[in-house]
Amino acid sequence: MLLEERLKNYRLILSSASPRRQNFFKGMGFDFVLDIRPVNEVYDDALEAEQITDYLAKKKAEPFTDLQDKDILVTSDTIVWFQGKPLEKAANRQEAIAMLSSLQDNYHEVITSICITTKNQQLVRHDKVKVWFDPLDQEQIAYYVDTYKPYDKAGSYGIQEWLGYVAVPRIEGSFFTVMGLPTHLVYKGLSEIVLAADS
């Protein structure tokens, strides 16, 4: 039986305000409910790369202490990892322009973790993708920031937008991970959870 059919016996919960992640769930054919609960997204400075996203994806599941037997919760987190430091969401225009300026003519990693939680178990997975940027001048960077206002995106850019069209010559890994959700890992993880529960 297809996973999509098996999931009809469960209540699949997506806890994400990201319209991109919501569209991915729709694109995978999942019936799901949105349930977004506030969490303080802070972490220990000693954490690095996927340790950060794994930790935050799990932390976003912590408010859900009321999961029922047939509930499956999916939470996720994304960062850009560049030269040993995380680049998360920009707080303002100046910060977004500075982030994008630092990424020019170089490559960085986009890391996205998922956490799948049920009443009795939890599964955490992550994916890493290398993304190369061609150089852009300050006018182009300012145009992108002012036009697309990428303040809800790790690293201050969306690869599916203008910047991705004109300045990303190469990626190594899943395009969807860069957009904020490793859909292949979500599918595999949900399959693992459901098969275990149904066996």
N, C-alpha and C. Protein backbone atom coordinates (compact mmCIF):
# COMPACT_ATOMS: atom_id res chain seq x y z
N MET A 1 0.84 -1.20 0.00
CA MET A 1 0.00 0.00 0.00
C MET A 1 0.88 1.25 0.00
N LEU A 2 0.52 2.24 -0.78
CA LEU A 2 1.27 3.47 -0.84
C LEU A 2 1.25 4.19 0.52
N LEU A 3 2.33 4.90 0.79
CA LEU A 3 2.41 5.67 2.03
C LEU A 3 1.23 6.64 2.14
N GLU A 4 0.89 7.28 1.03
CA GLU A 4 -0.21 8.25 1.06
C GLU A 4 -1.51 7.61 1.55
N GLU A 5 -1.72 6.35 1.18
CA GLU A 5 -2.92 5.63 1.63
C GLU A 5 -2.80 5.26 3.11
N ARG A 6 -1.63 4.79 3.52
CA ARG A 6 -1.43 4.41 4.92
C ARG A 6 -1.63 5.61 5.85
N LEU A 7 -1.20 6.80 5.38
CA LEU A 7 -1.27 7.98 6.23
C LEU A 7 -2.71 8.43 6.48
N LYS A 8 -3.64 7.95 5.69
CA LYS A 8 -5.05 8.32 5.91
C LYS A 8 -5.58 7.78 7.24
N ASN A 9 -4.86 6.80 7.80
CA ASN A 9 -5.24 6.26 9.11
C ASN A 9 -4.64 7.06 10.26
N TYR A 10 -3.89 8.12 9.92
CA TYR A 10 -3.21 8.92 10.93
C TYR A 10 -3.59 10.39 10.77
N ARG A 11 -3.25 11.18 11.78
CA ARG A 11 -3.37 12.63 11.67
C ARG A 11 -1.97 13.20 11.52
N LEU A 12 -1.65 13.59 10.31
CA LEU A 12 -0.33 14.13 10.01
C LEU A 12 -0.34 15.62 10.31
N ILE A 13 0.59 16.05 11.15
CA ILE A 13 0.66 17.44 11.60
C ILE A 13 1.96 18.07 11.09
N LEU A 14 1.85 19.17 10.39
CA LEU A 14 3.01 19.94 9.98
C LEU A 14 3.07 21.19 10.84
N SER A 15 4.17 21.36 11.56
CA SER A 15 4.34 22.56 12.38
C SER A 15 5.36 23.45 11.69
N SER A 16 4.89 24.24 10.75
CA SER A 16 5.76 25.16 10.01
C SER A 16 4.93 26.26 9.39
N ALA A 17 5.38 27.49 9.58
CA ALA A 17 4.72 28.63 8.95
C ALA A 17 5.20 28.85 7.52
N SER A 18 6.19 28.08 7.10
CA SER A 18 6.76 28.25 5.77
C SER A 18 5.78 27.82 4.69
N PRO A 19 5.40 28.72 3.78
CA PRO A 19 4.52 28.30 2.68
C PRO A 19 5.18 27.29 1.76
N ARG A 20 6.50 27.31 1.69
CA ARG A 20 7.21 26.34 0.84
C ARG A 20 7.06 24.93 1.40
N ARG A 21 7.24 24.77 2.70
CA ARG A 21 7.08 23.44 3.30
C ARG A 21 5.64 22.96 3.18
N GLN A 22 4.71 23.86 3.35
CA GLN A 22 3.30 23.48 3.21
C GLN A 22 3.01 23.01 1.79
N ASN A 23 3.56 23.71 0.80
CA ASN A 23 3.36 23.31 -0.59
C ASN A 23 4.02 21.97 -0.90
N PHE A 24 5.15 21.69 -0.28
CA PHE A 24 5.80 20.40 -0.49
C PHE A 24 4.91 19.26 0.02
N PHE A 25 4.30 19.46 1.17
CA PHE A 25 3.40 18.42 1.70
C PHE A 25 2.22 18.19 0.76
N LYS A 26 1.68 19.29 0.23
CA LYS A 26 0.60 19.15 -0.74
C LYS A 26 1.09 18.43 -1.99
N GLY A 27 2.29 18.78 -2.45
CA GLY A 27 2.84 18.17 -3.65
C GLY A 27 3.12 16.69 -3.49
N MET A 28 3.41 16.25 -2.26
CA MET A 28 3.63 14.83 -2.01
C MET A 28 2.32 14.07 -1.81
N GLY A 29 1.20 14.79 -1.89
CA GLY A 29 -0.09 14.13 -1.81
C GLY A 29 -0.56 13.84 -0.40
N PHE A 30 -0.01 14.56 0.59
CA PHE A 30 -0.36 14.29 1.98
C PHE A 30 -1.56 15.14 2.41
N ASP A 31 -2.48 14.52 3.13
CA ASP A 31 -3.50 15.25 3.86
C ASP A 31 -2.91 15.58 5.23
N PHE A 32 -2.92 16.84 5.59
CA PHE A 32 -2.26 17.22 6.84
C PHE A 32 -2.96 18.42 7.45
N VAL A 33 -2.67 18.64 8.73
CA VAL A 33 -3.16 19.83 9.42
C VAL A 33 -1.96 20.67 9.84
N LEU A 34 -2.16 21.97 9.87
CA LEU A 34 -1.13 22.88 10.36
C LEU A 34 -1.36 23.15 11.84
N ASP A 35 -0.29 23.06 12.61
CA ASP A 35 -0.36 23.40 14.03
C ASP A 35 0.98 24.00 14.41
N ILE A 36 1.01 25.32 14.52
CA ILE A 36 2.27 26.03 14.76
C ILE A 36 2.28 26.55 16.19
N ARG A 37 3.23 26.12 16.97
CA ARG A 37 3.31 26.51 18.37
C ARG A 37 4.64 27.22 18.61
N PRO A 38 4.60 28.33 19.34
CA PRO A 38 5.82 29.13 19.53
C PRO A 38 6.89 28.39 20.31
N VAL A 39 8.12 28.61 19.92
CA VAL A 39 9.26 28.03 20.62
C VAL A 39 10.43 29.00 20.50
N ASN A 40 11.20 29.08 21.55
CA ASN A 40 12.37 29.97 21.55
C ASN A 40 13.53 29.28 20.84
N GLU A 41 13.85 29.74 19.64
CA GLU A 41 14.84 29.06 18.80
C GLU A 41 16.27 29.48 19.15
N VAL A 42 16.67 29.16 20.36
CA VAL A 42 18.04 29.44 20.79
C VAL A 42 18.76 28.10 20.98
N TYR A 43 20.08 28.14 20.82
CA TYR A 43 20.87 26.92 20.97
C TYR A 43 22.25 27.28 21.50
N ASP A 44 22.93 26.29 22.00
CA ASP A 44 24.27 26.47 22.55
C ASP A 44 25.25 26.84 21.44
N ASP A 45 26.08 27.83 21.68
CA ASP A 45 27.06 28.27 20.68
C ASP A 45 28.07 27.19 20.32
N ALA A 46 28.16 26.16 21.14
CA ALA A 46 29.10 25.07 20.86
C ALA A 46 28.61 24.17 19.74
N LEU A 47 27.31 24.23 19.42
CA LEU A 47 26.77 23.40 18.35
C LEU A 47 27.22 23.92 16.99
N GLU A 48 27.43 22.99 16.06
CA GLU A 48 27.87 23.36 14.72
C GLU A 48 27.07 22.63 13.66
N ALA A 49 26.89 23.30 12.52
CA ALA A 49 26.32 22.71 11.31
C ALA A 49 25.04 21.93 11.61
N GLU A 50 25.02 20.62 11.25
CA GLU A 50 23.80 19.83 11.41
C GLU A 50 23.41 19.63 12.88
N GLN A 51 24.35 19.83 13.81
CA GLN A 51 23.98 19.77 15.23
C GLN A 51 22.96 20.85 15.57
N ILE A 52 23.10 22.01 14.93
CA ILE A 52 22.17 23.13 15.17
C ILE A 52 20.78 22.79 14.64
N THR A 53 20.72 22.37 13.39
CA THR A 53 19.40 22.11 12.79
C THR A 53 18.73 20.89 13.41
N ASP A 54 19.50 19.86 13.75
CA ASP A 54 18.92 18.70 14.44
C ASP A 54 18.31 19.14 15.77
N TYR A 55 19.06 19.94 16.51
CA TYR A 55 18.60 20.40 17.82
C TYR A 55 17.33 21.24 17.69
N LEU A 56 17.32 22.19 16.75
CA LEU A 56 16.17 23.08 16.62
C LEU A 56 14.94 22.36 16.07
N ALA A 57 15.15 21.41 15.16
CA ALA A 57 14.01 20.63 14.66
C ALA A 57 13.36 19.86 15.81
N LYS A 58 14.17 19.29 16.70
CA LYS A 58 13.63 18.58 17.87
C LYS A 58 12.98 19.55 18.85
N LYS A 59 13.61 20.71 19.03
CA LYS A 59 13.08 21.69 19.97
C LYS A 59 11.69 22.17 19.54
N LYS A 60 11.48 22.29 18.23
CA LYS A 60 10.18 22.74 17.73
C LYS A 60 9.07 21.73 18.01
N ALA A 61 9.45 20.49 18.30
CA ALA A 61 8.46 19.46 18.64
C ALA A 61 8.11 19.46 20.13
N GLU A 62 8.91 20.11 20.96
CA GLU A 62 8.73 20.04 22.41
C GLU A 62 7.37 20.55 22.91
N PRO A 63 6.78 21.59 22.31
CA PRO A 63 5.47 22.03 22.81
C PRO A 63 4.34 21.02 22.62
N PHE A 64 4.56 20.02 21.79
CA PHE A 64 3.50 19.07 21.45
C PHE A 64 3.50 17.91 22.44
N THR A 65 3.10 18.23 23.66
CA THR A 65 3.05 17.20 24.72
C THR A 65 1.73 16.44 24.72
N ASP A 66 0.83 16.84 23.82
CA ASP A 66 -0.52 16.27 23.81
C ASP A 66 -0.77 15.37 22.59
N LEU A 67 0.28 14.83 21.98
CA LEU A 67 0.11 13.97 20.81
C LEU A 67 -0.68 12.71 21.17
N GLN A 68 -1.60 12.34 20.29
CA GLN A 68 -2.41 11.14 20.48
C GLN A 68 -1.80 9.96 19.71
N ASP A 69 -2.38 8.79 19.90
CA ASP A 69 -1.80 7.56 19.34
C ASP A 69 -1.65 7.62 17.82
N LYS A 70 -2.54 8.27 17.13
CA LYS A 70 -2.52 8.30 15.66
C LYS A 70 -1.97 9.61 15.10
N ASP A 71 -1.32 10.40 15.94
CA ASP A 71 -0.73 11.66 15.49
C ASP A 71 0.71 11.45 15.04
N ILE A 72 1.09 12.09 13.94
CA ILE A 72 2.48 12.13 13.47
C ILE A 72 2.83 13.58 13.20
N LEU A 73 3.80 14.08 13.93
CA LEU A 73 4.21 15.48 13.85
C LEU A 73 5.51 15.62 13.06
N VAL A 74 5.57 16.60 12.17
CA VAL A 74 6.79 16.88 11.42
C VAL A 74 7.22 18.32 11.71
N THR A 75 8.45 18.48 12.18
CA THR A 75 9.06 19.79 12.38
C THR A 75 10.38 19.83 11.61
N SER A 76 10.88 21.04 11.36
CA SER A 76 12.05 21.15 10.50
C SER A 76 12.80 22.44 10.79
N ASP A 77 14.08 22.47 10.43
CA ASP A 77 14.87 23.70 10.57
C ASP A 77 15.96 23.73 9.50
N THR A 78 16.26 24.93 9.03
CA THR A 78 17.25 25.12 7.97
C THR A 78 18.23 26.23 8.35
N ILE A 79 19.50 26.00 8.06
CA ILE A 79 20.50 27.07 8.16
C ILE A 79 21.39 27.05 6.93
N VAL A 80 22.03 28.17 6.69
CA VAL A 80 23.15 28.23 5.76
C VAL A 80 24.42 28.19 6.60
N TRP A 81 25.34 27.30 6.24
CA TRP A 81 26.60 27.14 6.97
C TRP A 81 27.73 27.62 6.07
N PHE A 82 28.42 28.66 6.51
CA PHE A 82 29.43 29.30 5.66
C PHE A 82 30.65 29.67 6.47
N GLN A 83 31.78 29.13 6.05
CA GLN A 83 33.07 29.42 6.70
C GLN A 83 33.00 29.22 8.22
N GLY A 84 32.40 28.10 8.60
CA GLY A 84 32.38 27.72 10.01
C GLY A 84 31.37 28.44 10.86
N LYS A 85 30.43 29.16 10.22
CA LYS A 85 29.43 29.91 10.99
C LYS A 85 28.04 29.73 10.37
N PRO A 86 26.99 29.77 11.22
CA PRO A 86 25.63 29.67 10.68
C PRO A 86 25.11 31.03 10.22
N LEU A 87 24.43 31.02 9.10
CA LEU A 87 23.69 32.19 8.63
C LEU A 87 22.22 31.81 8.67
N GLU A 88 21.47 32.46 9.52
CA GLU A 88 20.07 32.12 9.67
C GLU A 88 19.22 33.18 8.95
N LYS A 89 18.16 33.66 9.56
CA LYS A 89 17.30 34.65 8.91
C LYS A 89 17.79 36.06 9.25
N ALA A 90 17.79 36.92 8.25
CA ALA A 90 18.22 38.30 8.48
C ALA A 90 17.15 39.06 9.24
N ALA A 91 17.59 39.94 10.13
CA ALA A 91 16.65 40.73 10.92
C ALA A 91 16.17 41.97 10.16
N ASN A 92 16.94 42.41 9.17
CA ASN A 92 16.59 43.65 8.47
C ASN A 92 17.31 43.71 7.13
N ARG A 93 17.07 44.78 6.38
CA ARG A 93 17.63 44.95 5.05
C ARG A 93 19.16 44.95 5.07
N GLN A 94 19.72 45.69 6.00
CA GLN A 94 21.18 45.80 6.08
C GLN A 94 21.82 44.44 6.32
N GLU A 95 21.24 43.67 7.21
CA GLU A 95 21.78 42.35 7.53
C GLU A 95 21.64 41.40 6.34
N ALA A 96 20.52 41.49 5.63
CA ALA A 96 20.33 40.63 4.45
C ALA A 96 21.35 40.95 3.36
N ILE A 97 21.59 42.22 3.12
CA ILE A 97 22.57 42.62 2.11
C ILE A 97 23.97 42.16 2.52
N ALA A 98 24.29 42.30 3.79
CA ALA A 98 25.61 41.86 4.28
C ALA A 98 25.79 40.36 4.12
N MET A 99 24.74 39.59 4.44
CA MET A 99 24.82 38.13 4.28
C MET A 99 25.08 37.75 2.83
N LEU A 100 24.28 38.31 1.93
CA LEU A 100 24.41 37.95 0.52
C LEU A 100 25.75 38.41 -0.05
N SER A 101 26.23 39.55 0.40
CA SER A 101 27.53 40.02 -0.06
C SER A 101 28.64 39.06 0.35
N SER A 102 28.52 38.49 1.54
CA SER A 102 29.56 37.57 2.03
C SER A 102 29.56 36.25 1.25
N LEU A 103 28.42 35.88 0.67
CA LEU A 103 28.31 34.59 -0.02
C LEU A 103 28.77 34.64 -1.48
N GLN A 104 29.04 35.83 -2.00
CA GLN A 104 29.33 35.96 -3.43
C GLN A 104 30.62 35.25 -3.84
N ASP A 105 30.59 34.69 -5.04
CA ASP A 105 31.77 34.08 -5.67
C ASP A 105 32.39 33.01 -4.78
N ASN A 106 31.53 32.19 -4.19
CA ASN A 106 32.00 31.15 -3.27
C ASN A 106 30.89 30.11 -3.16
N TYR A 107 31.14 29.08 -2.36
CA TYR A 107 30.07 28.12 -2.10
C TYR A 107 29.80 28.06 -0.60
N HIS A 108 28.61 27.63 -0.27
CA HIS A 108 28.21 27.44 1.12
C HIS A 108 27.39 26.16 1.20
N GLU A 109 27.07 25.73 2.41
CA GLU A 109 26.21 24.57 2.61
C GLU A 109 24.86 25.01 3.14
N VAL A 110 23.82 24.41 2.61
CA VAL A 110 22.49 24.55 3.19
C VAL A 110 22.17 23.24 3.89
N ILE A 111 21.83 23.34 5.16
CA ILE A 111 21.55 22.16 5.98
C ILE A 111 20.12 22.24 6.48
N THR A 112 19.34 21.21 6.20
CA THR A 112 17.97 21.15 6.70
C THR A 112 17.77 19.84 7.46
N SER A 113 17.24 19.96 8.64
CA SER A 113 16.90 18.78 9.46
C SER A 113 15.39 18.64 9.56
N ILE A 114 14.95 17.40 9.66
CA ILE A 114 13.55 17.10 9.94
C ILE A 114 13.47 16.29 11.22
N CYS A 115 12.37 16.47 11.93
CA CYS A 115 12.10 15.67 13.13
C CYS A 115 10.67 15.15 13.01
N ILE A 116 10.53 13.84 13.03
CA ILE A 116 9.22 13.21 12.96
C ILE A 116 8.93 12.60 14.33
N THR A 117 7.84 13.04 14.94
CA THR A 117 7.54 12.69 16.33
C THR A 117 6.16 12.06 16.44
N THR A 118 6.08 10.96 17.16
CA THR A 118 4.79 10.37 17.53
C THR A 118 4.73 10.30 19.05
N LYS A 119 3.66 9.77 19.56
CA LYS A 119 3.51 9.66 21.01
C LYS A 119 4.62 8.79 21.61
N ASN A 120 5.14 7.84 20.82
CA ASN A 120 6.07 6.85 21.38
C ASN A 120 7.47 6.88 20.79
N GLN A 121 7.70 7.64 19.73
CA GLN A 121 9.04 7.64 19.15
C GLN A 121 9.34 8.95 18.43
N GLN A 122 10.62 9.12 18.14
CA GLN A 122 11.06 10.33 17.44
C GLN A 122 12.23 9.97 16.52
N LEU A 123 12.17 10.51 15.31
CA LEU A 123 13.18 10.25 14.29
C LEU A 123 13.71 11.58 13.79
N VAL A 124 15.04 11.73 13.76
CA VAL A 124 15.67 12.97 13.29
C VAL A 124 16.62 12.64 12.15
N ARG A 125 16.50 13.37 11.06
CA ARG A 125 17.38 13.20 9.90
C ARG A 125 17.78 14.58 9.37
N HIS A 126 18.91 14.66 8.68
CA HIS A 126 19.31 15.92 8.07
C HIS A 126 19.93 15.68 6.70
N ASP A 127 19.96 16.73 5.92
CA ASP A 127 20.53 16.68 4.58
C ASP A 127 21.38 17.93 4.37
N LYS A 128 22.50 17.77 3.65
CA LYS A 128 23.40 18.88 3.35
C LYS A 128 23.53 19.05 1.85
N VAL A 129 23.52 20.30 1.41
CA VAL A 129 23.67 20.61 -0.01
C VAL A 129 24.69 21.73 -0.17
N LYS A 130 25.59 21.57 -1.14
CA LYS A 130 26.52 22.66 -1.47
C LYS A 130 25.90 23.52 -2.57
N VAL A 131 25.98 24.84 -2.36
CA VAL A 131 25.43 25.80 -3.31
C VAL A 131 26.51 26.81 -3.68
N TRP A 132 26.72 26.99 -4.99
CA TRP A 132 27.70 27.96 -5.48
C TRP A 132 26.99 29.23 -5.94
N PHE A 133 27.58 30.38 -5.60
CA PHE A 133 27.08 31.68 -6.06
C PHE A 133 28.07 32.32 -7.03
N ASP A 134 27.57 32.78 -8.15
CA ASP A 134 28.36 33.69 -8.99
C ASP A 134 28.37 35.06 -8.32
N PRO A 135 29.36 35.91 -8.67
CA PRO A 135 29.40 37.24 -8.05
C PRO A 135 28.26 38.13 -8.55
N LEU A 136 27.66 38.86 -7.61
CA LEU A 136 26.69 39.90 -7.92
C LEU A 136 27.22 41.22 -7.38
N ASP A 137 26.88 42.33 -8.05
CA ASP A 137 27.30 43.62 -7.52
C ASP A 137 26.28 44.11 -6.49
N GLN A 138 26.61 45.21 -5.83
CA GLN A 138 25.77 45.70 -4.75
C GLN A 138 24.39 46.14 -5.24
N GLU A 139 24.33 46.67 -6.44
CA GLU A 139 23.03 47.07 -7.00
C GLU A 139 22.13 45.86 -7.19
N GLN A 140 22.71 44.77 -7.69
CA GLN A 140 21.93 43.55 -7.90
C GLN A 140 21.46 42.96 -6.57
N ILE A 141 22.35 42.95 -5.59
CA ILE A 141 21.98 42.42 -4.27
C ILE A 141 20.87 43.26 -3.65
N ALA A 142 20.99 44.56 -3.72
CA ALA A 142 19.97 45.45 -3.17
C ALA A 142 18.64 45.27 -3.90
N TYR A 143 18.70 45.10 -5.22
CA TYR A 143 17.48 44.85 -5.99
C TYR A 143 16.78 43.60 -5.50
N TYR A 144 17.56 42.53 -5.32
CA TYR A 144 16.95 41.27 -4.87
C TYR A 144 16.31 41.44 -3.50
N VAL A 145 17.04 42.01 -2.56
CA VAL A 145 16.52 42.16 -1.19
C VAL A 145 15.28 43.05 -1.17
N ASP A 146 15.31 44.16 -1.91
CA ASP A 146 14.19 45.09 -1.90
C ASP A 146 12.97 44.53 -2.62
N THR A 147 13.20 43.71 -3.63
CA THR A 147 12.09 43.16 -4.40
C THR A 147 11.46 41.95 -3.73
N TYR A 148 12.30 41.05 -3.20
CA TYR A 148 11.81 39.77 -2.68
C TYR A 148 11.73 39.70 -1.16
N LYS A 149 12.39 40.65 -0.48
CA LYS A 149 12.33 40.73 0.99
C LYS A 149 12.49 39.34 1.64
N PRO A 150 13.67 38.75 1.48
CA PRO A 150 13.87 37.34 1.90
C PRO A 150 14.18 37.18 3.39
N TYR A 151 13.42 37.89 4.22
CA TYR A 151 13.74 37.89 5.65
C TYR A 151 13.26 36.62 6.37
N ASP A 152 12.46 35.80 5.69
CA ASP A 152 12.00 34.56 6.31
C ASP A 152 12.82 33.36 5.85
N LYS A 153 13.96 33.62 5.21
CA LYS A 153 14.74 32.54 4.62
C LYS A 153 16.15 32.50 5.20
N ALA A 154 16.63 31.31 5.50
CA ALA A 154 18.00 31.14 5.97
C ALA A 154 18.97 31.66 4.91
N GLY A 155 19.96 32.44 5.34
CA GLY A 155 20.94 32.97 4.41
C GLY A 155 20.42 34.14 3.59
N SER A 156 19.17 34.53 3.81
CA SER A 156 18.56 35.68 3.13
C SER A 156 18.37 35.48 1.63
N TYR A 157 18.11 34.25 1.22
CA TYR A 157 17.78 34.06 -0.19
C TYR A 157 16.90 32.84 -0.38
N GLY A 158 16.13 32.89 -1.48
CA GLY A 158 15.36 31.73 -1.92
C GLY A 158 15.87 31.31 -3.28
N ILE A 159 16.35 30.07 -3.38
CA ILE A 159 16.93 29.61 -4.63
C ILE A 159 15.90 29.56 -5.75
N GLN A 160 14.63 29.51 -5.39
CA GLN A 160 13.56 29.45 -6.38
C GLN A 160 13.19 30.84 -6.91
N GLU A 161 13.86 31.88 -6.43
CA GLU A 161 13.56 33.25 -6.83
C GLU A 161 14.62 33.79 -7.79
N TRP A 162 14.54 35.07 -8.10
CA TRP A 162 15.41 35.72 -9.09
C TRP A 162 16.89 35.42 -8.86
N LEU A 163 17.32 35.51 -7.61
CA LEU A 163 18.74 35.28 -7.32
C LEU A 163 19.17 33.88 -7.74
N GLY A 164 18.31 32.90 -7.48
CA GLY A 164 18.64 31.54 -7.89
C GLY A 164 18.73 31.38 -9.39
N TYR A 165 17.89 32.11 -10.12
CA TYR A 165 17.91 32.03 -11.58
C TYR A 165 19.21 32.58 -12.17
N VAL A 166 19.70 33.68 -11.60
CA VAL A 166 20.79 34.41 -12.25
C VAL A 166 22.16 34.17 -11.63
N ALA A 167 22.22 33.63 -10.42
CA ALA A 167 23.50 33.62 -9.72
C ALA A 167 23.91 32.28 -9.12
N VAL A 168 23.14 31.23 -9.36
CA VAL A 168 23.49 29.92 -8.82
C VAL A 168 23.81 28.97 -9.98
N PRO A 169 25.10 28.83 -10.33
CA PRO A 169 25.46 27.99 -11.45
C PRO A 169 25.48 26.51 -11.13
N ARG A 170 25.49 26.17 -9.84
CA ARG A 170 25.72 24.76 -9.49
C ARG A 170 25.25 24.48 -8.07
N ILE A 171 24.62 23.32 -7.89
CA ILE A 171 24.37 22.81 -6.55
C ILE A 171 24.74 21.33 -6.54
N GLU A 172 25.13 20.84 -5.38
CA GLU A 172 25.38 19.41 -5.18
C GLU A 172 24.42 18.92 -4.11
N GLY A 173 23.36 18.25 -4.54
CA GLY A 173 22.38 17.73 -3.59
C GLY A 173 20.97 18.10 -4.01
N SER A 174 20.05 17.96 -3.08
CA SER A 174 18.62 18.14 -3.36
C SER A 174 18.23 19.61 -3.41
N PHE A 175 17.61 20.00 -4.51
CA PHE A 175 17.09 21.36 -4.67
C PHE A 175 16.07 21.66 -3.57
N PHE A 176 15.26 20.66 -3.20
CA PHE A 176 14.21 20.87 -2.21
C PHE A 176 14.78 21.11 -0.81
N THR A 177 15.92 20.50 -0.52
CA THR A 177 16.58 20.77 0.75
C THR A 177 16.97 22.23 0.85
N VAL A 178 17.47 22.79 -0.25
CA VAL A 178 17.84 24.20 -0.27
C VAL A 178 16.61 25.08 -0.05
N MET A 179 15.46 24.66 -0.57
CA MET A 179 14.22 25.41 -0.39
C MET A 179 13.64 25.25 1.01
N GLY A 180 14.17 24.30 1.79
CA GLY A 180 13.75 24.20 3.18
C GLY A 180 13.18 22.89 3.65
N LEU A 181 13.15 21.88 2.77
CA LEU A 181 12.64 20.59 3.22
C LEU A 181 13.20 19.46 2.35
N PRO A 182 13.98 18.55 2.95
CA PRO A 182 14.46 17.38 2.19
C PRO A 182 13.30 16.39 2.03
N THR A 183 12.53 16.58 1.00
CA THR A 183 11.29 15.81 0.82
C THR A 183 11.54 14.31 0.78
N HIS A 184 12.68 13.91 0.21
CA HIS A 184 12.99 12.47 0.15
C HIS A 184 13.17 11.89 1.54
N LEU A 185 13.75 12.67 2.46
CA LEU A 185 13.93 12.19 3.83
C LEU A 185 12.60 12.18 4.58
N VAL A 186 11.75 13.15 4.29
CA VAL A 186 10.41 13.15 4.91
C VAL A 186 9.66 11.89 4.50
N TYR A 187 9.68 11.59 3.22
CA TYR A 187 8.95 10.42 2.72
C TYR A 187 9.49 9.13 3.33
N LYS A 188 10.82 9.00 3.35
CA LYS A 188 11.42 7.80 3.93
C LYS A 188 11.14 7.70 5.42
N GLY A 189 11.25 8.83 6.10
CA GLY A 189 11.01 8.82 7.54
C GLY A 189 9.58 8.47 7.90
N LEU A 190 8.63 9.07 7.18
CA LEU A 190 7.22 8.75 7.43
C LEU A 190 6.93 7.28 7.13
N SER A 191 7.54 6.78 6.06
CA SER A 191 7.37 5.36 5.72
C SER A 191 7.87 4.48 6.84
N GLU A 192 9.02 4.82 7.39
CA GLU A 192 9.60 4.05 8.49
C GLU A 192 8.70 4.07 9.72
N ILE A 193 8.20 5.24 10.06
CA ILE A 193 7.33 5.38 11.23
C ILE A 193 6.04 4.59 11.05
N VAL A 194 5.42 4.74 9.90
CA VAL A 194 4.12 4.11 9.65
C VAL A 194 4.25 2.60 9.55
N LEU A 195 5.28 2.12 8.87
CA LEU A 195 5.47 0.67 8.74
C LEU A 195 5.71 0.03 10.09
N ALA A 196 6.48 0.72 10.93
CA ALA A 196 6.74 0.19 12.28
C ALA A 196 5.45 0.15 13.09
N ALA A 197 4.66 1.20 12.97
CA ALA A 197 3.40 1.26 13.74
C ALA A 197 2.38 0.25 13.26
N ASP A 198 2.39 -0.03 11.95
CA ASP A 198 1.39 -0.94 11.38
C ASP A 198 1.78 -2.41 11.47
N SER A 199 3.05 -2.66 11.80
CA SER A 199 3.52 -4.07 11.82
C SER A 199 3.12 -4.77 13.13
